[in-house]
N, C-alpha and C. Protein backbone atom coordinates (compact mmCIF):
# COMPACT_ATOMS: atom_id res chain seq x y z
N UNK A 1 108.54 87.38 107.58
CA UNK A 1 109.63 87.82 108.49
C UNK A 1 109.86 89.22 108.22
N UNK A 2 109.88 89.81 109.47
CA UNK A 2 110.15 91.36 109.60
C UNK A 2 111.50 91.61 109.17
N UNK A 3 111.73 92.87 108.50
CA UNK A 3 112.97 93.10 108.16
C UNK A 3 113.85 93.52 109.39
N UNK A 4 115.18 93.25 109.32
CA UNK A 4 116.00 93.50 110.34
C UNK A 4 116.38 95.00 110.40
N UNK A 5 116.38 95.84 109.52
CA UNK A 5 116.66 97.24 109.50
C UNK A 5 115.54 97.90 110.31
N UNK A 6 114.24 97.49 110.25
CA UNK A 6 113.06 97.86 110.97
C UNK A 6 113.19 97.71 112.45
N UNK A 7 113.75 96.28 112.66
CA UNK A 7 114.00 95.99 114.18
C UNK A 7 115.17 96.60 114.58
N UNK A 8 116.37 96.76 113.87
CA UNK A 8 117.48 97.51 114.49
C UNK A 8 117.05 99.01 114.87
N UNK A 9 116.35 99.62 113.96
CA UNK A 9 115.63 100.91 114.32
C UNK A 9 114.97 100.89 115.72
N UNK A 10 114.05 100.07 115.85
CA UNK A 10 113.08 99.93 116.88
C UNK A 10 113.96 99.57 118.21
N UNK A 11 115.01 98.76 118.17
CA UNK A 11 115.71 98.48 119.17
C UNK A 11 116.72 99.71 119.59
N UNK A 12 117.16 100.28 118.62
CA UNK A 12 118.10 101.59 118.85
C UNK A 12 117.32 102.64 119.60
N UNK A 13 116.15 102.96 119.07
CA UNK A 13 115.16 103.95 119.76
C UNK A 13 114.90 103.65 121.17
N UNK A 14 114.47 102.31 121.39
CA UNK A 14 114.37 101.90 122.86
C UNK A 14 115.44 102.19 123.49
N UNK A 15 116.73 101.66 123.32
CA UNK A 15 117.98 101.88 124.00
C UNK A 15 118.37 103.38 124.29
N UNK A 16 118.00 104.26 123.22
CA UNK A 16 118.38 105.60 123.28
C UNK A 16 117.54 106.17 124.27
N UNK A 17 116.33 105.63 124.71
CA UNK A 17 115.55 106.27 125.64
C UNK A 17 115.82 106.06 126.93
N UNK A 18 116.69 105.02 127.38
CA UNK A 18 117.23 104.61 128.61
C UNK A 18 118.24 105.53 129.00
N UNK A 19 118.57 105.72 130.42
CA UNK A 19 119.48 106.61 130.98
C UNK A 19 120.83 105.98 131.08
N UNK A 20 121.94 106.51 130.94
CA UNK A 20 123.26 106.17 131.25
C UNK A 20 123.72 105.38 130.07
N UNK A 21 125.02 105.08 130.06
CA UNK A 21 125.97 104.54 129.49
C UNK A 21 125.89 103.53 128.26
N UNK A 22 127.15 103.29 127.92
CA UNK A 22 127.33 102.19 126.84
C UNK A 22 127.98 100.89 127.28
N UNK A 23 127.69 100.78 128.65
CA UNK A 23 128.22 99.50 129.24
C UNK A 23 127.77 98.43 128.65
N UNK A 24 128.41 97.17 129.35
CA UNK A 24 127.96 95.74 128.93
C UNK A 24 126.44 95.41 129.21
N UNK A 25 125.81 96.24 130.30
CA UNK A 25 124.41 96.13 130.60
C UNK A 25 123.70 96.58 129.44
N UNK A 26 123.88 97.56 128.83
CA UNK A 26 123.33 98.32 127.68
C UNK A 26 123.32 97.11 126.49
N UNK A 27 124.36 96.68 126.27
CA UNK A 27 124.63 95.73 125.19
C UNK A 27 123.76 94.48 125.57
N UNK A 28 123.84 93.82 126.82
CA UNK A 28 123.04 92.71 126.94
C UNK A 28 121.49 93.14 126.84
N UNK A 29 121.12 94.24 127.27
CA UNK A 29 119.71 94.69 127.20
C UNK A 29 119.34 94.63 125.79
N UNK A 30 120.31 95.37 124.96
CA UNK A 30 119.93 95.39 123.39
C UNK A 30 119.76 94.12 122.80
N UNK A 31 120.73 93.26 123.09
CA UNK A 31 120.52 91.79 122.67
C UNK A 31 119.44 91.07 123.04
N UNK A 32 119.01 91.14 124.38
CA UNK A 32 117.76 90.50 124.84
C UNK A 32 116.63 91.18 124.22
N UNK A 33 116.48 92.51 124.14
CA UNK A 33 115.27 93.13 123.54
C UNK A 33 115.19 92.88 122.07
N UNK A 34 116.25 92.70 121.44
CA UNK A 34 116.10 92.35 120.04
C UNK A 34 115.56 90.87 119.69
N UNK A 35 115.93 89.90 120.69
CA UNK A 35 115.56 88.78 120.49
C UNK A 35 113.90 88.71 120.97
N UNK A 36 113.75 89.20 122.03
CA UNK A 36 112.27 89.38 122.46
C UNK A 36 111.36 89.96 121.41
N UNK A 37 111.73 91.01 120.84
CA UNK A 37 110.85 91.72 119.74
C UNK A 37 110.82 90.80 118.46
N UNK A 38 111.93 90.18 118.11
CA UNK A 38 112.01 89.16 117.00
C UNK A 38 110.88 88.03 117.23
N UNK A 39 110.82 87.48 118.40
CA UNK A 39 110.02 86.58 118.86
C UNK A 39 108.48 87.15 118.84
N UNK A 40 108.35 88.12 119.20
CA UNK A 40 106.88 88.68 119.33
C UNK A 40 106.39 88.78 117.83
N UNK A 41 107.46 89.50 117.00
CA UNK A 41 106.93 89.73 115.56
C UNK A 41 106.75 88.44 114.87
N UNK A 42 107.59 87.51 115.39
CA UNK A 42 107.44 85.98 114.45
C UNK A 42 105.99 85.44 114.86
N UNK A 43 105.75 85.43 116.25
CA UNK A 43 104.52 85.01 116.72
C UNK A 43 103.13 85.72 116.11
N UNK A 44 103.30 87.07 115.72
CA UNK A 44 102.25 87.80 115.04
C UNK A 44 102.05 87.28 113.67
N UNK A 45 102.99 86.49 112.99
CA UNK A 45 102.79 86.00 111.77
C UNK A 45 102.40 87.17 110.88
N UNK A 46 103.46 88.32 110.75
CA UNK A 46 103.19 89.43 109.96
C UNK A 46 103.75 89.20 108.39
N UNK A 47 103.15 89.92 107.60
CA UNK A 47 103.63 89.65 106.05
C UNK A 47 104.37 91.05 105.84
N UNK A 48 105.13 90.90 104.89
CA UNK A 48 105.80 92.14 104.37
C UNK A 48 105.04 93.07 103.36
N UNK A 49 105.19 94.38 103.28
CA UNK A 49 104.44 95.28 102.43
C UNK A 49 104.35 94.48 101.03
N UNK A 50 105.34 93.96 100.56
CA UNK A 50 105.51 93.50 99.16
C UNK A 50 104.57 92.27 98.92
N UNK A 51 104.44 91.52 100.13
CA UNK A 51 103.64 90.30 99.99
C UNK A 51 102.12 90.77 100.08
N UNK A 52 101.77 91.73 100.73
CA UNK A 52 100.41 92.37 100.93
C UNK A 52 100.11 92.86 99.58
N UNK A 53 100.87 93.57 99.09
CA UNK A 53 100.54 94.22 97.74
C UNK A 53 100.46 93.36 96.66
N UNK A 54 101.11 92.23 96.57
CA UNK A 54 101.12 91.04 95.58
C UNK A 54 99.83 90.37 95.77
N UNK A 55 99.46 90.15 97.04
CA UNK A 55 97.94 89.47 97.20
C UNK A 55 96.81 90.30 96.89
N UNK A 56 97.02 91.68 97.16
CA UNK A 56 96.16 92.64 96.77
C UNK A 56 95.79 92.52 95.35
N UNK A 57 96.78 92.60 94.59
CA UNK A 57 96.82 92.55 93.26
C UNK A 57 96.14 91.33 92.71
N UNK A 58 96.50 90.28 93.15
CA UNK A 58 96.19 88.95 92.85
C UNK A 58 94.60 88.65 93.12
N UNK A 59 94.12 89.59 94.26
CA UNK A 59 92.60 89.35 94.54
C UNK A 59 91.76 90.28 93.67
N UNK A 60 92.37 91.36 93.22
CA UNK A 60 91.72 92.29 92.20
C UNK A 60 91.53 91.61 91.01
N UNK A 61 92.63 90.81 90.45
CA UNK A 61 92.53 90.28 89.11
C UNK A 61 91.51 88.88 89.38
N UNK A 62 91.43 88.30 90.41
CA UNK A 62 90.42 87.32 90.65
C UNK A 62 89.16 87.64 90.56
N UNK A 63 88.97 88.94 91.28
CA UNK A 63 87.59 89.55 91.36
C UNK A 63 87.13 89.88 89.78
N UNK A 64 87.98 90.41 89.19
CA UNK A 64 87.55 90.63 87.65
C UNK A 64 87.31 89.62 87.09
N UNK A 65 88.00 88.57 87.08
CA UNK A 65 87.70 87.38 86.44
C UNK A 65 86.48 86.76 86.84
N UNK A 66 86.28 86.70 87.99
CA UNK A 66 84.81 86.29 88.58
C UNK A 66 83.76 87.14 88.06
N UNK A 67 83.78 88.49 87.91
CA UNK A 67 82.69 89.22 87.53
C UNK A 67 82.48 88.98 86.04
N UNK A 68 83.62 88.52 85.14
CA UNK A 68 83.52 88.36 83.72
C UNK A 68 82.73 86.71 83.73
N UNK A 69 83.23 85.92 84.54
CA UNK A 69 82.52 84.52 84.53
C UNK A 69 81.01 84.79 84.78
N UNK A 70 80.62 85.55 85.78
CA UNK A 70 79.11 85.82 86.16
C UNK A 70 78.33 86.37 85.26
N UNK A 71 79.05 87.43 84.55
CA UNK A 71 78.39 87.93 83.17
C UNK A 71 78.18 86.74 82.26
N UNK A 72 79.14 85.88 81.96
CA UNK A 72 78.96 85.04 80.96
C UNK A 72 77.84 84.03 81.21
N UNK A 73 77.81 83.65 82.45
CA UNK A 73 76.72 82.55 82.93
C UNK A 73 75.40 83.35 82.85
N UNK A 74 75.29 84.69 83.19
CA UNK A 74 73.92 85.31 83.10
C UNK A 74 73.57 85.31 81.56
N UNK A 75 74.39 85.58 80.68
CA UNK A 75 74.19 85.58 79.20
C UNK A 75 73.87 84.27 78.67
N UNK A 76 74.62 83.13 79.18
CA UNK A 76 74.22 81.74 78.74
C UNK A 76 72.79 81.48 79.22
N UNK A 77 72.55 81.78 80.47
CA UNK A 77 71.26 81.49 81.23
C UNK A 77 70.06 82.17 80.21
N UNK A 78 70.39 83.44 79.75
CA UNK A 78 69.37 84.29 79.06
C UNK A 78 69.02 83.66 77.81
N UNK A 79 70.26 83.14 77.14
CA UNK A 79 70.11 82.41 75.97
C UNK A 79 69.40 81.18 75.90
N UNK A 80 69.60 80.41 76.98
CA UNK A 80 68.76 79.25 77.16
C UNK A 80 67.43 79.39 77.61
N UNK A 81 67.23 80.56 78.25
CA UNK A 81 65.79 80.79 78.28
C UNK A 81 65.03 81.29 77.21
N UNK A 82 65.53 82.03 76.38
CA UNK A 82 64.93 82.52 75.27
C UNK A 82 64.95 81.37 74.07
N UNK A 83 65.90 80.40 74.23
CA UNK A 83 65.61 79.28 73.28
C UNK A 83 64.43 78.32 73.50
N UNK A 84 64.21 78.05 74.83
CA UNK A 84 63.21 77.34 75.28
C UNK A 84 61.67 77.58 74.90
């Protein structure tokens, strides 16, 4: 889920680029623009930076464990080959 402060800033920047007033039309446009952007971001299935970093760390730990297991297997195969 995208952070609302990011979405608020993005909508504010778009609204500020439009000419003229703070009338009801601007408020309606801001409301509709916010809803449209939220819908687009939800369909994009984005992840937060925290989720990304957590998954990156998990992948690094998994990779390290896999390398250790591969080394153990190679050592066991060498022992098996030497004992035959």
